[in-house]
């Protein structure tokens, strides 16, 4: 499990939630395991990207049922891998008894960003409850539905160190691995988050994938490293403050997909952040233009930007290796031989 330790529930704050409570709720949902992974074919991998709405949860049952609805929708579309967005692990923080009081303390400063010191303080009180609820819910739902789930990311205390971390679960509910954020923002630096020192590649039956959290996808080096590791899927949990414009779309995951000739899966968090700004959706699955009739990189996208939605597609991973790169597969042997000393 890549050195990751399952959290200690005995350390939870008053009002703590036990894994048994979550399992009881999941049992009551009477989930019928899917057969989506009965036959896995690299020429037909079914992927679902989720557009998840920020909302307040009044009970653990409400949270678990909401997550199950998203996953059930994807499973009914034959998804073998379901991808949640950035900060998905913070959604159950509203179950924390002190949540409203702490939310008031982290309202944006003149810079427009939340107060990093107060946010760190809030997380130190609420993140255990939120994380344990998130982690065990995703693990149980992956195992019950018999699919892979990229559960999105969250802020998580690994001992005394605060991490921005995304998780991938297998069809048995086991943790396949995690990825920490590479390019931490100024606010995250002020919170004490240390950037990750590596990009990981997860080799699973549903394809080789790497996770690029939020702004990690804005740098061509991250995607290129992922490809060199063997990834064929770039999973990007993200969110877009304000308007999701055509420029925003052009400079993100789609650009990395066209550069690397990999598939890109962009999941998005939408709705009112509670901090004076809203998030717009850009849930989509991207493919190299060589594989598309319309050369815009968009294989499928969510229908709207402000509501829960899903983008699902069947991907042929083997087609990626057949895309010819004119810069490395030039057939003019005479030209290449003549100018080899200038090309390398």
Protein backbone atom coordinates (compact mmCIF):
# COMPACT_ATOMS: atom_id res chain seq x y z
CA UNK A 1 0.00 0.00 0.00
CA UNK A 2 2.92 2.37 -0.76
CA UNK A 3 3.65 3.00 2.89
CA UNK A 4 0.23 4.51 3.58
CA UNK A 5 -1.28 3.76 6.96
CA UNK A 6 -5.02 3.53 7.59
CA UNK A 7 -6.00 6.26 10.08
CA UNK A 8 -6.41 5.57 13.77
CA UNK A 9 -10.06 6.11 14.67
CA UNK A 10 -9.29 6.28 18.38
CA UNK A 11 -7.79 9.72 17.78
CA UNK A 12 -10.99 11.24 16.40
CA UNK A 13 -12.57 14.28 17.98
CA UNK A 14 -15.84 14.13 19.97
CA UNK A 15 -18.66 13.07 17.68
CA UNK A 16 -16.29 10.65 15.98
CA UNK A 17 -17.50 8.25 13.31
CA UNK A 18 -16.41 4.64 13.39
CA UNK A 19 -15.75 2.54 10.28
CA UNK A 20 -18.47 0.19 11.51
CA UNK A 21 -21.04 2.99 11.23
CA UNK A 22 -20.06 3.61 7.61
CA UNK A 23 -20.17 -0.10 6.80
CA UNK A 24 -23.62 -0.40 8.36
CA UNK A 25 -24.92 2.38 6.15
CA UNK A 26 -23.33 0.86 3.06
CA UNK A 27 -24.90 -2.50 3.93
CA UNK A 28 -28.31 -0.86 4.12
CA UNK A 29 -27.89 0.39 0.56
CA UNK A 30 -28.01 -3.24 -0.60
CA UNK A 31 -25.55 -2.65 -3.43
CA UNK A 32 -25.45 -5.37 -6.06
CA UNK A 33 -21.83 -5.89 -7.22
CA UNK A 34 -21.34 -5.03 -10.87
CA UNK A 35 -19.71 -7.26 -13.46
CA UNK A 36 -18.04 -4.29 -15.16
CA UNK A 37 -14.59 -5.77 -14.61
CA UNK A 38 -15.56 -9.31 -15.57
CA UNK A 39 -13.74 -8.87 -18.87
CA UNK A 40 -11.21 -6.05 -19.18
CA UNK A 41 -10.00 -5.19 -22.67
CA UNK A 42 -7.37 -2.52 -23.31
CA UNK A 43 -9.21 -1.71 -26.54
CA UNK A 44 -12.42 -0.92 -24.65
CA UNK A 45 -11.82 0.58 -21.19
CA UNK A 46 -14.87 2.32 -19.73
CA UNK A 47 -14.09 5.53 -17.83
CA UNK A 48 -16.41 7.91 -15.97
CA UNK A 49 -15.45 11.41 -14.87
CA UNK A 50 -17.65 13.07 -12.25
CA UNK A 51 -18.78 16.65 -11.81
CA UNK A 52 -19.56 16.80 -8.09
CA UNK A 53 -21.63 19.50 -6.40
CA UNK A 54 -20.47 21.06 -3.14
CA UNK A 55 -23.18 20.63 -0.53
CA UNK A 56 -23.68 20.52 3.21
CA UNK A 57 -24.42 17.16 4.81
CA UNK A 58 -26.57 16.94 7.91
CA UNK A 59 -25.78 13.27 8.59
CA UNK A 60 -23.36 10.51 7.72
CA UNK A 61 -26.18 8.64 5.96
CA UNK A 62 -26.79 11.61 3.69
CA UNK A 63 -23.12 11.85 2.69
CA UNK A 64 -22.68 8.14 1.99
CA UNK A 65 -25.92 7.98 0.00
CA UNK A 66 -24.86 10.98 -2.09
CA UNK A 67 -21.50 9.45 -2.96
CA UNK A 68 -23.21 6.18 -3.78
CA UNK A 69 -25.56 7.94 -6.23
CA UNK A 70 -22.63 9.36 -8.18
CA UNK A 71 -20.95 5.97 -8.33
CA UNK A 72 -24.14 4.08 -9.21
CA UNK A 73 -24.73 6.42 -12.14
CA UNK A 74 -21.24 5.68 -13.42
CA UNK A 75 -21.57 1.93 -12.82
CA UNK A 76 -24.84 1.87 -14.76
CA UNK A 77 -22.90 3.33 -17.68
CA UNK A 78 -20.55 0.33 -17.42
CA UNK A 79 -17.70 2.36 -15.92
CA UNK A 80 -14.70 0.35 -14.78
CA UNK A 81 -12.88 3.40 -13.38
CA UNK A 82 -14.71 6.32 -11.74
CA UNK A 83 -12.90 9.60 -11.09
CA UNK A 84 -13.85 12.12 -8.38
CA UNK A 85 -12.62 15.76 -8.32
CA UNK A 86 -10.15 17.77 -6.28
CA UNK A 87 -11.14 18.40 -2.62
CA UNK A 88 -13.69 15.58 -2.73
CA UNK A 89 -12.33 14.44 0.61
CA UNK A 90 -13.30 17.72 2.26
CA UNK A 91 -17.02 17.33 1.50
CA UNK A 92 -17.81 15.47 4.76
CA UNK A 93 -16.11 18.23 6.78
CA UNK A 94 -19.56 19.75 7.25
CA UNK A 95 -20.28 16.83 9.60
CA UNK A 96 -17.77 18.33 12.02
CA UNK A 97 -19.66 19.95 14.97
CA UNK A 98 -17.46 23.06 14.79
CA UNK A 99 -17.60 23.41 10.98
CA UNK A 100 -19.70 26.59 10.80
CA UNK A 101 -17.61 28.38 13.39
CA UNK A 102 -14.35 27.54 11.63
CA UNK A 103 -15.74 28.41 8.20
CA UNK A 104 -16.33 31.96 9.39
CA UNK A 105 -12.67 32.31 10.33
CA UNK A 106 -11.25 31.41 6.92
CA UNK A 107 -13.18 33.90 4.77
CA UNK A 108 -10.97 35.40 2.02
CA UNK A 109 -8.51 38.15 2.85
CA UNK A 110 -7.84 41.20 0.65
CA UNK A 111 -5.75 38.94 -1.57
CA UNK A 112 -8.90 36.98 -2.42
CA UNK A 113 -7.51 33.80 -0.89
CA UNK A 114 -8.72 32.16 2.33
CA UNK A 115 -6.75 32.82 5.50
CA UNK A 116 -4.14 30.04 5.35
CA UNK A 117 -3.40 30.12 9.08
CA UNK A 118 -7.07 29.77 10.01
CA UNK A 119 -7.59 27.12 7.32
CA UNK A 120 -4.75 25.08 8.80
CA UNK A 121 -6.35 25.46 12.23
CA UNK A 122 -9.72 24.34 10.89
CA UNK A 123 -8.17 21.30 9.24
CA UNK A 124 -6.36 20.37 12.45
CA UNK A 125 -9.78 20.08 14.13
CA UNK A 126 -11.98 18.76 11.31
CA UNK A 127 -9.79 16.87 8.87
CA UNK A 128 -9.60 13.63 10.86
CA UNK A 129 -13.36 13.30 10.88
CA UNK A 130 -13.65 14.31 7.22
CA UNK A 131 -10.76 12.16 6.06
CA UNK A 132 -11.76 8.98 7.84
CA UNK A 133 -15.33 9.33 6.56
CA UNK A 134 -14.10 9.97 3.02
CA UNK A 135 -11.44 7.26 2.99
CA UNK A 136 -13.59 4.43 4.30
CA UNK A 137 -16.65 5.43 2.28
CA UNK A 138 -14.69 5.35 -0.97
CA UNK A 139 -12.96 2.11 -0.06
CA UNK A 140 -16.22 0.37 0.80
CA UNK A 141 -18.08 1.65 -2.26
CA UNK A 142 -15.26 0.60 -4.59
CA UNK A 143 -15.34 -2.89 -3.10
CA UNK A 144 -19.12 -3.23 -3.11
CA UNK A 145 -19.52 -2.02 -6.70
CA UNK A 146 -16.44 -3.98 -7.82
CA UNK A 147 -14.86 -1.09 -9.72
CA UNK A 148 -11.78 1.12 -9.47
CA UNK A 149 -12.27 4.57 -7.94
CA UNK A 150 -9.91 7.52 -8.15
CA UNK A 151 -11.43 9.19 -5.11
CA UNK A 152 -10.18 12.71 -5.78
CA UNK A 153 -8.01 14.66 -3.38
CA UNK A 154 -8.11 16.10 0.11
CA UNK A 155 -5.97 17.85 2.67
CA UNK A 156 -4.71 15.16 5.00
CA UNK A 157 -2.42 15.15 8.05
CA UNK A 158 0.21 12.45 7.58
CA UNK A 159 1.48 12.59 11.14
CA UNK A 160 2.32 16.25 11.68
CA UNK A 161 2.73 16.95 7.96
CA UNK A 162 -0.24 18.36 6.03
CA UNK A 163 -0.53 16.83 2.55
CA UNK A 164 -2.63 17.52 -0.52
CA UNK A 165 -3.20 13.92 -1.60
CA UNK A 166 -5.32 11.95 -4.07
CA UNK A 167 -6.20 8.26 -3.68
CA UNK A 168 -6.87 5.31 -5.97
CA UNK A 169 -8.87 2.28 -4.76
CA UNK A 170 -9.19 -1.14 -6.37
CA UNK A 171 -12.29 -3.23 -7.01
CA UNK A 172 -11.71 -5.00 -3.71
CA UNK A 173 -11.61 -1.74 -1.77
CA UNK A 174 -7.85 -1.90 -1.28
CA UNK A 175 -5.71 1.21 -1.63
CA UNK A 176 -3.78 0.93 -4.90
CA UNK A 177 -1.78 4.05 -4.12
CA UNK A 178 -1.77 7.81 -3.68
CA UNK A 179 -0.32 10.90 -5.32
CA UNK A 180 0.62 14.13 -3.58
CA UNK A 181 0.33 17.49 -5.31
CA UNK A 182 3.47 18.64 -7.12
CA UNK A 183 2.86 22.37 -7.62
CA UNK A 184 1.52 23.68 -4.33
CA UNK A 185 -0.04 27.14 -4.43
CA UNK A 186 1.14 30.12 -2.40
CA UNK A 187 -1.74 29.56 0.03
CA UNK A 188 -0.78 25.89 0.35
CA UNK A 189 2.80 26.89 1.03
CA UNK A 190 1.57 29.16 3.82
CA UNK A 191 -0.42 26.21 5.16
CA UNK A 192 2.80 24.21 5.36
CA UNK A 193 2.13 21.77 2.54
CA UNK A 194 5.34 20.38 1.05
CA UNK A 195 5.27 19.62 -2.70
CA UNK A 196 5.62 16.00 -3.75
CA UNK A 197 8.97 14.92 -5.13
CA UNK A 198 7.72 12.33 -7.60
CA UNK A 199 4.94 11.41 -10.00
CA UNK A 200 3.66 7.87 -9.65
CA UNK A 201 2.30 5.51 -12.26
CA UNK A 202 -0.41 3.03 -11.26
CA UNK A 203 -0.50 -0.16 -13.32
CA UNK A 204 -4.02 -1.57 -13.05
CA UNK A 205 -6.26 -3.81 -15.17
CA UNK A 206 -8.08 -0.69 -16.37
CA UNK A 207 -4.91 0.91 -17.71
CA UNK A 208 -1.69 2.54 -16.64
CA UNK A 209 -2.48 5.92 -15.11
CA UNK A 210 -0.94 8.89 -13.32
CA UNK A 211 -2.75 11.51 -11.24
CA UNK A 212 -2.09 15.22 -11.78
CA UNK A 213 -3.88 17.26 -9.10
CA UNK A 214 -5.25 20.66 -10.11
CA UNK A 215 -2.47 22.97 -11.30
CA UNK A 216 -0.05 20.05 -11.69
CA UNK A 217 -1.47 19.69 -15.19
CA UNK A 218 -0.38 23.22 -16.13
CA UNK A 219 3.22 22.09 -16.60
CA UNK A 220 4.27 19.99 -19.60
CA UNK A 221 7.00 18.29 -17.56
CA UNK A 222 4.52 16.51 -15.26
CA UNK A 223 2.61 14.93 -18.14
CA UNK A 224 5.81 14.02 -19.97
CA UNK A 225 7.19 12.29 -16.87
CA UNK A 226 3.94 10.37 -16.50
CA UNK A 227 4.15 9.21 -20.11
CA UNK A 228 7.79 8.16 -19.71
CA UNK A 229 6.74 6.08 -16.70
CA UNK A 230 4.28 4.23 -18.93
CA UNK A 231 1.01 6.04 -18.21
CA UNK A 232 -1.70 6.04 -20.84
CA UNK A 233 -4.29 7.86 -18.74
CA UNK A 234 -3.82 11.26 -17.09
CA UNK A 235 -6.35 11.57 -14.27
CA UNK A 236 -6.83 15.21 -13.31
CA UNK A 237 -9.06 16.03 -10.32
CA UNK A 238 -9.60 19.78 -10.47
CA UNK A 239 -11.84 22.82 -9.89
CA UNK A 240 -12.19 26.15 -11.67
CA UNK A 241 -12.80 29.30 -9.57
CA UNK A 242 -15.01 31.70 -11.49
CA UNK A 243 -15.80 31.30 -15.16
CA UNK A 244 -14.54 28.26 -17.08
CA UNK A 245 -13.53 30.00 -20.31
CA UNK A 246 -12.22 28.66 -23.61
CA UNK A 247 -8.77 29.93 -22.61
CA UNK A 248 -8.98 27.97 -19.35
CA UNK A 249 -9.90 24.86 -21.32
CA UNK A 250 -7.13 25.36 -23.89
CA UNK A 251 -4.32 25.79 -21.35
CA UNK A 252 -5.09 22.80 -19.14
CA UNK A 253 -5.37 19.05 -19.54
CA UNK A 254 -6.35 19.18 -23.21
CA UNK A 255 -3.02 20.78 -24.05
CA UNK A 256 -1.11 18.10 -22.16
CA UNK A 257 -3.10 15.42 -24.00
CA UNK A 258 -2.18 16.85 -27.39
CA UNK A 259 1.49 17.07 -26.38
CA UNK A 260 1.82 13.59 -24.96
CA UNK A 261 -0.77 11.69 -27.05
CA UNK A 262 -2.37 10.21 -23.93
CA UNK A 263 -6.00 10.23 -22.79
CA UNK A 264 -6.99 12.81 -20.17
CA UNK A 265 -9.77 12.49 -17.60
CA UNK A 266 -10.82 15.79 -16.00
CA UNK A 267 -13.17 15.59 -13.00
CA UNK A 268 -14.51 18.81 -11.50
CA UNK A 269 -15.93 20.21 -8.26
CA UNK A 270 -18.72 22.76 -8.72
CA UNK A 271 -20.91 25.03 -6.62
CA UNK A 272 -20.63 27.63 -3.88
CA UNK A 273 -17.37 27.25 -1.99
CA UNK A 274 -18.74 29.04 1.06
CA UNK A 275 -15.75 31.39 0.83
CA UNK A 276 -17.19 34.10 -1.37
CA UNK A 277 -16.61 32.48 -4.74
CA UNK A 278 -18.10 29.69 -6.81
CA UNK A 279 -16.56 26.87 -8.82
CA UNK A 280 -17.58 26.14 -12.41
CA UNK A 281 -17.47 22.71 -13.95
CA UNK A 282 -15.25 21.51 -16.76
CA UNK A 283 -15.83 17.77 -16.46
CA UNK A 284 -14.52 16.13 -19.65
CA UNK A 285 -12.52 13.33 -21.21
CA UNK A 286 -9.88 14.38 -23.75
CA UNK A 287 -8.18 12.44 -26.54
CA UNK A 288 -5.42 13.21 -29.04
CA UNK A 289 -6.78 15.00 -32.09
CA UNK A 290 -5.46 12.21 -34.30
CA UNK A 291 -8.21 9.99 -32.87
CA UNK A 292 -11.06 12.51 -33.28
CA UNK A 293 -13.15 13.72 -36.20
CA UNK A 294 -13.55 17.13 -34.60
CA UNK A 295 -10.01 18.30 -33.87
CA UNK A 296 -10.72 20.01 -30.56
CA UNK A 297 -9.42 17.32 -28.22
CA UNK A 298 -12.80 16.82 -26.52
CA UNK A 299 -14.02 13.25 -26.63
CA UNK A 300 -16.94 13.88 -24.27
CA UNK A 301 -17.86 16.57 -21.75
CA UNK A 302 -20.51 17.31 -19.14
CA UNK A 303 -23.64 19.03 -20.37
CA UNK A 304 -23.50 21.95 -17.91
CA UNK A 305 -21.12 23.82 -15.67
CA UNK A 306 -23.06 24.43 -12.48
CA UNK A 307 -24.71 21.13 -11.57
CA UNK A 308 -23.76 17.51 -10.85
CA UNK A 309 -23.03 15.63 -14.05
CA UNK A 310 -20.96 12.86 -15.55
CA UNK A 311 -18.82 12.36 -18.64
CA UNK A 312 -18.24 8.75 -19.65
CA UNK A 313 -16.52 7.13 -22.60
CA UNK A 314 -15.01 3.89 -23.85
CA UNK A 315 -11.31 4.30 -24.59
CA UNK A 316 -9.08 2.24 -26.85
CA UNK A 317 -5.73 2.46 -25.06
CA UNK A 318 -3.95 0.49 -27.78
CA UNK A 319 -4.66 3.18 -30.38
CA UNK A 320 -2.33 5.57 -28.56
CA UNK A 321 0.74 3.57 -29.55
CA UNK A 322 -0.26 3.77 -33.21
CA UNK A 323 -0.27 7.58 -33.34
CA UNK A 324 2.68 8.72 -35.42
CA UNK A 325 4.72 11.65 -34.21
CA UNK A 326 6.13 13.51 -37.26
CA UNK A 327 9.12 14.64 -35.23
CA UNK A 328 10.25 11.15 -34.28
CA UNK A 329 8.76 8.99 -37.05
CA UNK A 330 9.88 10.88 -40.16
CA UNK A 331 10.14 8.52 -43.12
CA UNK A 332 12.65 10.67 -45.03
CA UNK A 333 15.69 8.57 -44.15
CA UNK A 334 18.02 10.51 -46.46
CA UNK A 335 17.08 13.81 -44.85
CA UNK A 336 17.44 12.40 -41.34
CA UNK A 337 20.88 10.97 -42.12
CA UNK A 338 22.07 14.22 -43.69
CA UNK A 339 21.02 16.42 -40.78
CA UNK A 340 21.38 13.97 -37.92
CA UNK A 341 24.14 16.02 -36.27
CA UNK A 342 21.82 19.04 -36.09
CA UNK A 343 18.79 17.14 -34.83
CA UNK A 344 20.30 15.44 -31.79
